[in-house]
ModelCIF file with pLDDT and N, C-alpha, C, O atoms, coordinates in Angstrom:
data_MODEL
#
_entry.id   MODEL 
#
_entity.id                         1 
_entity.type                       polymer 
_entity.pdbx_number_of_molecules   1 
#
_entity_poly.entity_id                      1 
_entity_poly.type                           'polypeptide(L)' 
_entity_poly.nstd_linkage                   no 
_entity_poly.nstd_monomer                   no 
_entity_poly.pdbx_seq_one_letter_code       SPGAADTLSDEARRLLHAAQRGWMFDDMGQWGPLKVDEPTWRDHARRS 
_entity_poly.pdbx_seq_one_letter_code_can   SPGAADTLSDEARRLLHAAQRGWMFDDMGQWGPLKVDEPTWRDHARRS 
_entity_poly.pdbx_strand_id                 A 
#
loop_
_entity_poly_seq.entity_id 
_entity_poly_seq.num 
_entity_poly_seq.mon_id 
_entity_poly_seq.hetero 
1 1  SER n 
1 2  PRO n 
1 3  GLY n 
1 4  ALA n 
1 5  ALA n 
1 6  ASP n 
1 7  THR n 
1 8  LEU n 
1 9  SER n 
1 10 ASP n 
1 11 GLU n 
1 12 ALA n 
1 13 ARG n 
1 14 ARG n 
1 15 LEU n 
1 16 LEU n 
1 17 HIS n 
1 18 ALA n 
1 19 ALA n 
1 20 GLN n 
1 21 ARG n 
1 22 GLY n 
1 23 TRP n 
1 24 MET n 
1 25 PHE n 
1 26 ASP n 
1 27 ASP n 
1 28 MET n 
1 29 GLY n 
1 30 GLN n 
1 31 TRP n 
1 32 GLY n 
1 33 PRO n 
1 34 LEU n 
1 35 LYS n 
1 36 VAL n 
1 37 ASP n 
1 38 GLU n 
1 39 PRO n 
1 40 THR n 
1 41 TRP n 
1 42 ARG n 
1 43 ASP n 
1 44 HIS n 
1 45 ALA n 
1 46 ARG n 
1 47 ARG n 
1 48 SER n 
#
_struct_asym.id          A 
_struct_asym.entity_id   1 
#
loop_
_ma_qa_metric.id 
_ma_qa_metric.mode 
_ma_qa_metric.name 
_ma_qa_metric.software_group_id 
_ma_qa_metric.type 
1 global pLDDT . pLDDT 
2 local  pLDDT . pLDDT 
#
_ma_qa_metric_global.metric_id      1 
_ma_qa_metric_global.metric_value   87.21 
_ma_qa_metric_global.model_id       1 
_ma_qa_metric_global.ordinal_id     1 
#
loop_
_ma_qa_metric_local.label_asym_id 
_ma_qa_metric_local.label_comp_id 
_ma_qa_metric_local.label_seq_id 
_ma_qa_metric_local.metric_id 
_ma_qa_metric_local.metric_value 
_ma_qa_metric_local.model_id 
_ma_qa_metric_local.ordinal_id 
A SER 1  2 84.00 1 1  
A PRO 2  2 90.00 1 2  
A GLY 3  2 94.00 1 3  
A ALA 4  2 96.00 1 4  
A ALA 5  2 96.00 1 5  
A ASP 6  2 96.00 1 6  
A THR 7  2 97.00 1 7  
A LEU 8  2 98.00 1 8  
A SER 9  2 97.00 1 9  
A ASP 10 2 97.00 1 10 
A GLU 11 2 98.00 1 11 
A ALA 12 2 98.00 1 12 
A ARG 13 2 97.00 1 13 
A ARG 14 2 97.00 1 14 
A LEU 15 2 98.00 1 15 
A LEU 16 2 97.00 1 16 
A HIS 17 2 96.00 1 17 
A ALA 18 2 97.00 1 18 
A ALA 19 2 96.00 1 19 
A GLN 20 2 94.00 1 20 
A ARG 21 2 94.00 1 21 
A GLY 22 2 93.00 1 22 
A TRP 23 2 89.00 1 23 
A MET 24 2 84.00 1 24 
A PHE 25 2 78.00 1 25 
A ASP 26 2 65.00 1 26 
A ASP 27 2 68.00 1 27 
A MET 28 2 66.00 1 28 
A GLY 29 2 70.00 1 29 
A GLN 30 2 71.00 1 30 
A TRP 31 2 74.00 1 31 
A GLY 32 2 70.00 1 32 
A PRO 33 2 73.00 1 33 
A LEU 34 2 74.00 1 34 
A LYS 35 2 76.00 1 35 
A VAL 36 2 77.00 1 36 
A ASP 37 2 82.00 1 37 
A GLU 38 2 86.00 1 38 
A PRO 39 2 88.00 1 39 
A THR 40 2 86.00 1 40 
A TRP 41 2 83.00 1 41 
A ARG 42 2 88.00 1 42 
A ASP 43 2 91.00 1 43 
A HIS 44 2 87.00 1 44 
A ALA 45 2 86.00 1 45 
A ARG 46 2 91.00 1 46 
A ARG 47 2 93.00 1 47 
A SER 48 2 90.00 1 48 
#
loop_
_atom_site.group_PDB 
_atom_site.id 
_atom_site.type_symbol 
_atom_site.label_atom_id 
_atom_site.label_alt_id 
_atom_site.label_comp_id 
_atom_site.label_asym_id 
_atom_site.label_entity_id 
_atom_site.label_seq_id 
_atom_site.pdbx_PDB_ins_code 
_atom_site.Cartn_x 
_atom_site.Cartn_y 
_atom_site.Cartn_z 
_atom_site.occupancy 
_atom_site.B_iso_or_equiv 
_atom_site.pdbx_formal_charge 
_atom_site.auth_seq_id 
_atom_site.auth_comp_id 
_atom_site.auth_asym_id 
_atom_site.auth_atom_id 
_atom_site.pdbx_PDB_model_num 
ATOM 1   N N  . SER A 1 1  ? 20.294 93.198  15.998 1.00 84.00 ? 1  SER A N  1 
ATOM 2   C CA . SER A 1 1  ? 19.030 93.143  16.721 1.00 84.00 ? 1  SER A CA 1 
ATOM 3   C C  . SER A 1 1  ? 18.141 94.281  16.247 1.00 84.00 ? 1  SER A C  1 
ATOM 4   O O  . SER A 1 1  ? 18.652 95.316  15.821 1.00 84.00 ? 1  SER A O  1 
ATOM 5   N N  . PRO A 1 2  ? 16.832 94.120  16.308 1.00 90.00 ? 2  PRO A N  1 
ATOM 6   C CA . PRO A 1 2  ? 15.931 95.182  15.850 1.00 90.00 ? 2  PRO A CA 1 
ATOM 7   C C  . PRO A 1 2  ? 16.190 96.483  16.586 1.00 90.00 ? 2  PRO A C  1 
ATOM 8   O O  . PRO A 1 2  ? 16.511 96.483  17.774 1.00 90.00 ? 2  PRO A O  1 
ATOM 9   N N  . GLY A 1 3  ? 16.046 97.600  15.869 1.00 94.00 ? 3  GLY A N  1 
ATOM 10  C CA . GLY A 1 3  ? 16.292 98.900  16.480 1.00 94.00 ? 3  GLY A CA 1 
ATOM 11  C C  . GLY A 1 3  ? 15.682 100.018 15.677 1.00 94.00 ? 3  GLY A C  1 
ATOM 12  O O  . GLY A 1 3  ? 14.951 99.787  14.714 1.00 94.00 ? 3  GLY A O  1 
ATOM 13  N N  . ALA A 1 4  ? 15.991 101.239 16.086 1.00 96.00 ? 4  ALA A N  1 
ATOM 14  C CA . ALA A 1 4  ? 15.392 102.424 15.468 1.00 96.00 ? 4  ALA A CA 1 
ATOM 15  C C  . ALA A 1 4  ? 15.687 102.511 13.981 1.00 96.00 ? 4  ALA A C  1 
ATOM 16  O O  . ALA A 1 4  ? 14.828 102.937 13.208 1.00 96.00 ? 4  ALA A O  1 
ATOM 17  N N  . ALA A 1 5  ? 16.888 102.115 13.562 1.00 96.00 ? 5  ALA A N  1 
ATOM 18  C CA . ALA A 1 5  ? 17.267 102.240 12.153 1.00 96.00 ? 5  ALA A CA 1 
ATOM 19  C C  . ALA A 1 5  ? 16.327 101.473 11.235 1.00 96.00 ? 5  ALA A C  1 
ATOM 20  O O  . ALA A 1 5  ? 16.174 101.833 10.068 1.00 96.00 ? 5  ALA A O  1 
ATOM 21  N N  . ASP A 1 6  ? 15.700 100.427 11.745 1.00 96.00 ? 6  ASP A N  1 
ATOM 22  C CA . ASP A 1 6  ? 14.799 99.617  10.923 1.00 96.00 ? 6  ASP A CA 1 
ATOM 23  C C  . ASP A 1 6  ? 13.533 100.370 10.537 1.00 96.00 ? 6  ASP A C  1 
ATOM 24  O O  . ASP A 1 6  ? 12.806 99.930  9.646  1.00 96.00 ? 6  ASP A O  1 
ATOM 25  N N  . THR A 1 7  ? 13.255 101.493 11.189 1.00 97.00 ? 7  THR A N  1 
ATOM 26  C CA . THR A 1 7  ? 12.065 102.286 10.850 1.00 97.00 ? 7  THR A CA 1 
ATOM 27  C C  . THR A 1 7  ? 12.351 103.310 9.763  1.00 97.00 ? 7  THR A C  1 
ATOM 28  O O  . THR A 1 7  ? 11.425 103.960 9.276  1.00 97.00 ? 7  THR A O  1 
ATOM 29  N N  . LEU A 1 8  ? 13.611 103.468 9.371  1.00 98.00 ? 8  LEU A N  1 
ATOM 30  C CA . LEU A 1 8  ? 13.985 104.457 8.361  1.00 98.00 ? 8  LEU A CA 1 
ATOM 31  C C  . LEU A 1 8  ? 13.697 103.946 6.957  1.00 98.00 ? 8  LEU A C  1 
ATOM 32  O O  . LEU A 1 8  ? 13.477 102.754 6.745  1.00 98.00 ? 8  LEU A O  1 
ATOM 33  N N  . SER A 1 9  ? 13.703 104.871 6.004  1.00 97.00 ? 9  SER A N  1 
ATOM 34  C CA . SER A 1 9  ? 13.646 104.488 4.598  1.00 97.00 ? 9  SER A CA 1 
ATOM 35  C C  . SER A 1 9  ? 14.908 103.708 4.237  1.00 97.00 ? 9  SER A C  1 
ATOM 36  O O  . SER A 1 9  ? 15.910 103.794 4.947  1.00 97.00 ? 9  SER A O  1 
ATOM 37  N N  . ASP A 1 10 ? 14.871 102.951 3.146  1.00 97.00 ? 10 ASP A N  1 
ATOM 38  C CA . ASP A 1 10 ? 16.048 102.183 2.732  1.00 97.00 ? 10 ASP A CA 1 
ATOM 39  C C  . ASP A 1 10 ? 17.258 103.087 2.540  1.00 97.00 ? 10 ASP A C  1 
ATOM 40  O O  . ASP A 1 10 ? 18.362 102.752 2.969  1.00 97.00 ? 10 ASP A O  1 
ATOM 41  N N  . GLU A 1 11 ? 17.052 104.225 1.899  1.00 98.00 ? 11 GLU A N  1 
ATOM 42  C CA . GLU A 1 11 ? 18.163 105.140 1.629  1.00 98.00 ? 11 GLU A CA 1 
ATOM 43  C C  . GLU A 1 11 ? 18.772 105.666 2.921  1.00 98.00 ? 11 GLU A C  1 
ATOM 44  O O  . GLU A 1 11 ? 19.994 105.707 3.064  1.00 98.00 ? 11 GLU A O  1 
ATOM 45  N N  . ALA A 1 12 ? 17.931 106.064 3.850  1.00 98.00 ? 12 ALA A N  1 
ATOM 46  C CA . ALA A 1 12 ? 18.432 106.599 5.122  1.00 98.00 ? 12 ALA A CA 1 
ATOM 47  C C  . ALA A 1 12 ? 19.111 105.518 5.948  1.00 98.00 ? 12 ALA A C  1 
ATOM 48  O O  . ALA A 1 12 ? 20.130 105.769 6.591  1.00 98.00 ? 12 ALA A O  1 
ATOM 49  N N  . ARG A 1 13 ? 18.549 104.320 5.931  1.00 97.00 ? 13 ARG A N  1 
ATOM 50  C CA . ARG A 1 13 ? 19.142 103.221 6.703  1.00 97.00 ? 13 ARG A CA 1 
ATOM 51  C C  . ARG A 1 13 ? 20.516 102.853 6.157  1.00 97.00 ? 13 ARG A C  1 
ATOM 52  O O  . ARG A 1 13 ? 21.448 102.620 6.927  1.00 97.00 ? 13 ARG A O  1 
ATOM 53  N N  . ARG A 1 14 ? 20.650 102.798 4.829  1.00 97.00 ? 14 ARG A N  1 
ATOM 54  C CA . ARG A 1 14 ? 21.968 102.516 4.245  1.00 97.00 ? 14 ARG A CA 1 
ATOM 55  C C  . ARG A 1 14 ? 22.974 103.587 4.637  1.00 97.00 ? 14 ARG A C  1 
ATOM 56  O O  . ARG A 1 14 ? 24.121 103.281 4.962  1.00 97.00 ? 14 ARG A O  1 
ATOM 57  N N  . LEU A 1 15 ? 22.546 104.833 4.606  1.00 98.00 ? 15 LEU A N  1 
ATOM 58  C CA . LEU A 1 15 ? 23.437 105.943 4.953  1.00 98.00 ? 15 LEU A CA 1 
ATOM 59  C C  . LEU A 1 15 ? 23.881 105.847 6.409  1.00 98.00 ? 15 LEU A C  1 
ATOM 60  O O  . LEU A 1 15 ? 25.060 106.030 6.712  1.00 98.00 ? 15 LEU A O  1 
ATOM 61  N N  . LEU A 1 16 ? 22.946 105.563 7.306  1.00 97.00 ? 16 LEU A N  1 
ATOM 62  C CA . LEU A 1 16 ? 23.297 105.473 8.721  1.00 97.00 ? 16 LEU A CA 1 
ATOM 63  C C  . LEU A 1 16 ? 24.239 104.312 8.991  1.00 97.00 ? 16 LEU A C  1 
ATOM 64  O O  . LEU A 1 16 ? 25.216 104.468 9.723  1.00 97.00 ? 16 LEU A O  1 
ATOM 65  N N  . HIS A 1 17 ? 23.963 103.159 8.414  1.00 96.00 ? 17 HIS A N  1 
ATOM 66  C CA . HIS A 1 17 ? 24.820 101.992 8.635  1.00 96.00 ? 17 HIS A CA 1 
ATOM 67  C C  . HIS A 1 17 ? 26.226 102.223 8.075  1.00 96.00 ? 17 HIS A C  1 
ATOM 68  O O  . HIS A 1 17 ? 27.215 101.820 8.687  1.00 96.00 ? 17 HIS A O  1 
ATOM 69  N N  . ALA A 1 18 ? 26.310 102.871 6.917  1.00 97.00 ? 18 ALA A N  1 
ATOM 70  C CA . ALA A 1 18 ? 27.625 103.160 6.339  1.00 97.00 ? 18 ALA A CA 1 
ATOM 71  C C  . ALA A 1 18 ? 28.400 104.141 7.209  1.00 97.00 ? 18 ALA A C  1 
ATOM 72  O O  . ALA A 1 18 ? 29.607 103.987 7.398  1.00 97.00 ? 18 ALA A O  1 
ATOM 73  N N  . ALA A 1 19 ? 27.714 105.146 7.737  1.00 96.00 ? 19 ALA A N  1 
ATOM 74  C CA . ALA A 1 19 ? 28.373 106.112 8.615  1.00 96.00 ? 19 ALA A CA 1 
ATOM 75  C C  . ALA A 1 19 ? 28.868 105.445 9.890  1.00 96.00 ? 19 ALA A C  1 
ATOM 76  O O  . ALA A 1 19 ? 29.973 105.725 10.356 1.00 96.00 ? 19 ALA A O  1 
ATOM 77  N N  . GLN A 1 20 ? 28.052 104.564 10.452 1.00 94.00 ? 20 GLN A N  1 
ATOM 78  C CA . GLN A 1 20 ? 28.460 103.854 11.661 1.00 94.00 ? 20 GLN A CA 1 
ATOM 79  C C  . GLN A 1 20 ? 29.682 102.988 11.408 1.00 94.00 ? 20 GLN A C  1 
ATOM 80  O O  . GLN A 1 20 ? 30.589 102.936 12.239 1.00 94.00 ? 20 GLN A O  1 
ATOM 81  N N  . ARG A 1 21 ? 29.714 102.306 10.266 1.00 94.00 ? 21 ARG A N  1 
ATOM 82  C CA . ARG A 1 21 ? 30.858 101.444 9.963  1.00 94.00 ? 21 ARG A CA 1 
ATOM 83  C C  . ARG A 1 21 ? 32.106 102.272 9.656  1.00 94.00 ? 21 ARG A C  1 
ATOM 84  O O  . ARG A 1 21 ? 33.223 101.853 9.960  1.00 94.00 ? 21 ARG A O  1 
ATOM 85  N N  . GLY A 1 22 ? 31.916 103.430 9.062  1.00 93.00 ? 22 GLY A N  1 
ATOM 86  C CA . GLY A 1 22 ? 33.062 104.265 8.710  1.00 93.00 ? 22 GLY A CA 1 
ATOM 87  C C  . GLY A 1 22 ? 33.615 105.087 9.852  1.00 93.00 ? 22 GLY A C  1 
ATOM 88  O O  . GLY A 1 22 ? 34.654 105.731 9.707  1.00 93.00 ? 22 GLY A O  1 
ATOM 89  N N  . TRP A 1 23 ? 32.925 105.077 11.005 1.00 89.00 ? 23 TRP A N  1 
ATOM 90  C CA . TRP A 1 23 ? 33.389 105.835 12.175 1.00 89.00 ? 23 TRP A CA 1 
ATOM 91  C C  . TRP A 1 23 ? 34.573 105.095 12.785 1.00 89.00 ? 23 TRP A C  1 
ATOM 92  O O  . TRP A 1 23 ? 34.399 104.113 13.507 1.00 89.00 ? 23 TRP A O  1 
ATOM 93  N N  . MET A 1 24 ? 35.786 105.579 12.485 1.00 84.00 ? 24 MET A N  1 
ATOM 94  C CA . MET A 1 24 ? 37.004 104.915 12.956 1.00 84.00 ? 24 MET A CA 1 
ATOM 95  C C  . MET A 1 24 ? 37.729 105.732 14.029 1.00 84.00 ? 24 MET A C  1 
ATOM 96  O O  . MET A 1 24 ? 38.834 105.376 14.437 1.00 84.00 ? 24 MET A O  1 
ATOM 97  N N  . PHE A 1 25 ? 37.126 106.797 14.474 1.00 78.00 ? 25 PHE A N  1 
ATOM 98  C CA . PHE A 1 25 ? 37.845 107.758 15.306 1.00 78.00 ? 25 PHE A CA 1 
ATOM 99  C C  . PHE A 1 25 ? 38.065 107.271 16.735 1.00 78.00 ? 25 PHE A C  1 
ATOM 100 O O  . PHE A 1 25 ? 38.902 107.818 17.454 1.00 78.00 ? 25 PHE A O  1 
ATOM 101 N N  . ASP A 1 26 ? 37.319 106.245 17.154 1.00 65.00 ? 26 ASP A N  1 
ATOM 102 C CA . ASP A 1 26 ? 37.524 105.676 18.478 1.00 65.00 ? 26 ASP A CA 1 
ATOM 103 C C  . ASP A 1 26 ? 38.126 104.268 18.399 1.00 65.00 ? 26 ASP A C  1 
ATOM 104 O O  . ASP A 1 26 ? 38.080 103.516 19.372 1.00 65.00 ? 26 ASP A O  1 
ATOM 105 N N  . ASP A 1 27 ? 38.683 103.919 17.250 1.00 68.00 ? 27 ASP A N  1 
ATOM 106 C CA . ASP A 1 27 ? 39.267 102.594 17.069 1.00 68.00 ? 27 ASP A CA 1 
ATOM 107 C C  . ASP A 1 27 ? 40.474 102.677 16.145 1.00 68.00 ? 27 ASP A C  1 
ATOM 108 O O  . ASP A 1 27 ? 40.548 101.971 15.140 1.00 68.00 ? 27 ASP A O  1 
ATOM 109 N N  . MET A 1 28 ? 41.408 103.539 16.490 1.00 66.00 ? 28 MET A N  1 
ATOM 110 C CA . MET A 1 28 ? 42.566 103.768 15.628 1.00 66.00 ? 28 MET A CA 1 
ATOM 111 C C  . MET A 1 28 ? 43.503 102.572 15.573 1.00 66.00 ? 28 MET A C  1 
ATOM 112 O O  . MET A 1 28 ? 44.392 102.517 14.723 1.00 66.00 ? 28 MET A O  1 
ATOM 113 N N  . GLY A 1 29 ? 43.309 101.609 16.479 1.00 70.00 ? 29 GLY A N  1 
ATOM 114 C CA . GLY A 1 29 ? 44.165 100.431 16.460 1.00 70.00 ? 29 GLY A CA 1 
ATOM 115 C C  . GLY A 1 29 ? 44.045 99.633  15.182 1.00 70.00 ? 29 GLY A C  1 
ATOM 116 O O  . GLY A 1 29 ? 44.953 98.872  14.846 1.00 70.00 ? 29 GLY A O  1 
ATOM 117 N N  . GLN A 1 30 ? 42.935 99.788  14.451 1.00 71.00 ? 30 GLN A N  1 
ATOM 118 C CA . GLN A 1 30 ? 42.765 99.045  13.202 1.00 71.00 ? 30 GLN A CA 1 
ATOM 119 C C  . GLN A 1 30 ? 43.703 99.520  12.105 1.00 71.00 ? 30 GLN A C  1 
ATOM 120 O O  . GLN A 1 30 ? 43.841 98.854  11.079 1.00 71.00 ? 30 GLN A O  1 
ATOM 121 N N  . TRP A 1 31 ? 44.344 100.654 12.304 1.00 74.00 ? 31 TRP A N  1 
ATOM 122 C CA . TRP A 1 31 ? 45.316 101.109 11.316 1.00 74.00 ? 31 TRP A CA 1 
ATOM 123 C C  . TRP A 1 31 ? 46.633 100.333 11.429 1.00 74.00 ? 31 TRP A C  1 
ATOM 124 O O  . TRP A 1 31 ? 47.411 100.286 10.476 1.00 74.00 ? 31 TRP A O  1 
ATOM 125 N N  . GLY A 1 32 ? 46.877 99.729  12.585 1.00 70.00 ? 32 GLY A N  1 
ATOM 126 C CA . GLY A 1 32 ? 48.124 99.003  12.759 1.00 70.00 ? 32 GLY A CA 1 
ATOM 127 C C  . GLY A 1 32 ? 49.311 99.945  12.882 1.00 70.00 ? 32 GLY A C  1 
ATOM 128 O O  . GLY A 1 32 ? 49.125 101.153 13.027 1.00 70.00 ? 32 GLY A O  1 
ATOM 129 N N  . PRO A 1 33 ? 50.526 99.413  12.827 1.00 73.00 ? 33 PRO A N  1 
ATOM 130 C CA . PRO A 1 33 ? 51.747 100.226 13.003 1.00 73.00 ? 33 PRO A CA 1 
ATOM 131 C C  . PRO A 1 33 ? 52.146 100.961 11.722 1.00 73.00 ? 33 PRO A C  1 
ATOM 132 O O  . PRO A 1 33 ? 53.066 100.538 11.022 1.00 73.00 ? 33 PRO A O  1 
ATOM 133 N N  . LEU A 1 34 ? 51.459 102.047 11.421 1.00 74.00 ? 34 LEU A N  1 
ATOM 134 C CA . LEU A 1 34 ? 51.798 102.823 10.231 1.00 74.00 ? 34 LEU A CA 1 
ATOM 135 C C  . LEU A 1 34 ? 53.169 103.481 10.395 1.00 74.00 ? 34 LEU A C  1 
ATOM 136 O O  . LEU A 1 34 ? 53.488 104.038 11.446 1.00 74.00 ? 34 LEU A O  1 
ATOM 137 N N  . LYS A 1 35 ? 53.964 103.404 9.340  1.00 76.00 ? 35 LYS A N  1 
ATOM 138 C CA . LYS A 1 35 ? 55.261 104.078 9.318  1.00 76.00 ? 35 LYS A CA 1 
ATOM 139 C C  . LYS A 1 35 ? 55.275 105.022 8.126  1.00 76.00 ? 35 LYS A C  1 
ATOM 140 O O  . LYS A 1 35 ? 55.498 104.616 6.986  1.00 76.00 ? 35 LYS A O  1 
ATOM 141 N N  . VAL A 1 36 ? 55.030 106.295 8.423  1.00 77.00 ? 36 VAL A N  1 
ATOM 142 C CA . VAL A 1 36 ? 54.913 107.281 7.353  1.00 77.00 ? 36 VAL A CA 1 
ATOM 143 C C  . VAL A 1 36 ? 55.682 108.537 7.738  1.00 77.00 ? 36 VAL A C  1 
ATOM 144 O O  . VAL A 1 36 ? 55.980 108.771 8.909  1.00 77.00 ? 36 VAL A O  1 
ATOM 145 N N  . ASP A 1 37 ? 56.001 109.346 6.716  1.00 82.00 ? 37 ASP A N  1 
ATOM 146 C CA . ASP A 1 37 ? 56.712 110.586 6.970  1.00 82.00 ? 37 ASP A CA 1 
ATOM 147 C C  . ASP A 1 37 ? 55.714 111.714 7.237  1.00 82.00 ? 37 ASP A C  1 
ATOM 148 O O  . ASP A 1 37 ? 54.501 111.507 7.192  1.00 82.00 ? 37 ASP A O  1 
ATOM 149 N N  . GLU A 1 38 ? 56.239 112.903 7.513  1.00 86.00 ? 38 GLU A N  1 
ATOM 150 C CA . GLU A 1 38 ? 55.386 114.040 7.886  1.00 86.00 ? 38 GLU A CA 1 
ATOM 151 C C  . GLU A 1 38 ? 54.393 114.416 6.792  1.00 86.00 ? 38 GLU A C  1 
ATOM 152 O O  . GLU A 1 38 ? 53.219 114.617 7.100  1.00 86.00 ? 38 GLU A O  1 
ATOM 153 N N  . PRO A 1 39 ? 54.806 114.522 5.534  1.00 88.00 ? 39 PRO A N  1 
ATOM 154 C CA . PRO A 1 39 ? 53.818 114.840 4.481  1.00 88.00 ? 39 PRO A CA 1 
ATOM 155 C C  . PRO A 1 39 ? 52.695 113.808 4.389  1.00 88.00 ? 39 PRO A C  1 
ATOM 156 O O  . PRO A 1 39 ? 51.543 114.158 4.132  1.00 88.00 ? 39 PRO A O  1 
ATOM 157 N N  . THR A 1 40 ? 53.035 112.540 4.600  1.00 86.00 ? 40 THR A N  1 
ATOM 158 C CA . THR A 1 40 ? 52.011 111.502 4.526  1.00 86.00 ? 40 THR A CA 1 
ATOM 159 C C  . THR A 1 40 ? 51.046 111.605 5.699  1.00 86.00 ? 40 THR A C  1 
ATOM 160 O O  . THR A 1 40 ? 49.846 111.391 5.532  1.00 86.00 ? 40 THR A O  1 
ATOM 161 N N  . TRP A 1 41 ? 51.557 111.930 6.885  1.00 83.00 ? 41 TRP A N  1 
ATOM 162 C CA . TRP A 1 41 ? 50.671 112.124 8.033  1.00 83.00 ? 41 TRP A CA 1 
ATOM 163 C C  . TRP A 1 41 ? 49.727 113.292 7.795  1.00 83.00 ? 41 TRP A C  1 
ATOM 164 O O  . TRP A 1 41 ? 48.559 113.250 8.181  1.00 83.00 ? 41 TRP A O  1 
ATOM 165 N N  . ARG A 1 42 ? 50.238 114.319 7.164  1.00 88.00 ? 42 ARG A N  1 
ATOM 166 C CA . ARG A 1 42 ? 49.374 115.472 6.853  1.00 88.00 ? 42 ARG A CA 1 
ATOM 167 C C  . ARG A 1 42 ? 48.270 115.063 5.867  1.00 88.00 ? 42 ARG A C  1 
ATOM 168 O O  . ARG A 1 42 ? 47.129 115.511 5.979  1.00 88.00 ? 42 ARG A O  1 
ATOM 169 N N  . ASP A 1 43 ? 48.624 114.216 4.911  1.00 91.00 ? 43 ASP A N  1 
ATOM 170 C CA . ASP A 1 43 ? 47.630 113.721 3.966  1.00 91.00 ? 43 ASP A CA 1 
ATOM 171 C C  . ASP A 1 43 ? 46.582 112.881 4.693  1.00 91.00 ? 43 ASP A C  1 
ATOM 172 O O  . ASP A 1 43 ? 45.387 112.994 4.416  1.00 91.00 ? 43 ASP A O  1 
ATOM 173 N N  . HIS A 1 44 ? 47.032 112.039 5.621  1.00 87.00 ? 44 HIS A N  1 
ATOM 174 C CA . HIS A 1 44 ? 46.116 111.230 6.415  1.00 87.00 ? 44 HIS A CA 1 
ATOM 175 C C  . HIS A 1 44 ? 45.187 112.125 7.241  1.00 87.00 ? 44 HIS A C  1 
ATOM 176 O O  . HIS A 1 44 ? 43.990 111.857 7.340  1.00 87.00 ? 44 HIS A O  1 
ATOM 177 N N  . ALA A 1 45 ? 45.738 113.180 7.830  1.00 86.00 ? 45 ALA A N  1 
ATOM 178 C CA . ALA A 1 45 ? 44.924 114.100 8.633  1.00 86.00 ? 45 ALA A CA 1 
ATOM 179 C C  . ALA A 1 45 ? 43.872 114.795 7.773  1.00 86.00 ? 45 ALA A C  1 
ATOM 180 O O  . ALA A 1 45 ? 42.730 114.971 8.198  1.00 86.00 ? 45 ALA A O  1 
ATOM 181 N N  . ARG A 1 46 ? 44.263 115.189 6.559  1.00 91.00 ? 46 ARG A N  1 
ATOM 182 C CA . ARG A 1 46 ? 43.308 115.852 5.651  1.00 91.00 ? 46 ARG A CA 1 
ATOM 183 C C  . ARG A 1 46 ? 42.159 114.917 5.303  1.00 91.00 ? 46 ARG A C  1 
ATOM 184 O O  . ARG A 1 46 ? 40.994 115.315 5.339  1.00 91.00 ? 46 ARG A O  1 
ATOM 185 N N  . ARG A 1 47 ? 42.486 113.678 4.967  1.00 93.00 ? 47 ARG A N  1 
ATOM 186 C CA . ARG A 1 47 ? 41.451 112.716 4.607  1.00 93.00 ? 47 ARG A CA 1 
ATOM 187 C C  . ARG A 1 47 ? 40.581 112.356 5.818  1.00 93.00 ? 47 ARG A C  1 
ATOM 188 O O  . ARG A 1 47 ? 39.370 112.177 5.694  1.00 93.00 ? 47 ARG A O  1 
ATOM 189 N N  . SER A 1 48 ? 41.213 112.254 6.976  1.00 90.00 ? 48 SER A N  1 
ATOM 190 C CA . SER A 1 48 ? 40.457 111.937 8.187  1.00 90.00 ? 48 SER A CA 1 
ATOM 191 C C  . SER A 1 48 ? 39.488 113.055 8.539  1.00 90.00 ? 48 SER A C  1 
ATOM 192 O O  . SER A 1 48 ? 38.768 112.957 9.533  1.00 90.00 ? 48 SER A O  1 
#
C-alpha cells in the first residue's frame, strides 16, 4: 500500500526495503530446527 517510502529516492527506497526484509530478529522461527555445535553458534552470533 502507498506509504512514506514511496517519497524517497530510488536508492534510499531500495535500501529501506532491503533492510526491512533482512530484519529477522523478531522472527527467528524461520531458521527452523538448527542443530549446530558451539563454534557454529558463535559464528551465527557474529554474523547476526
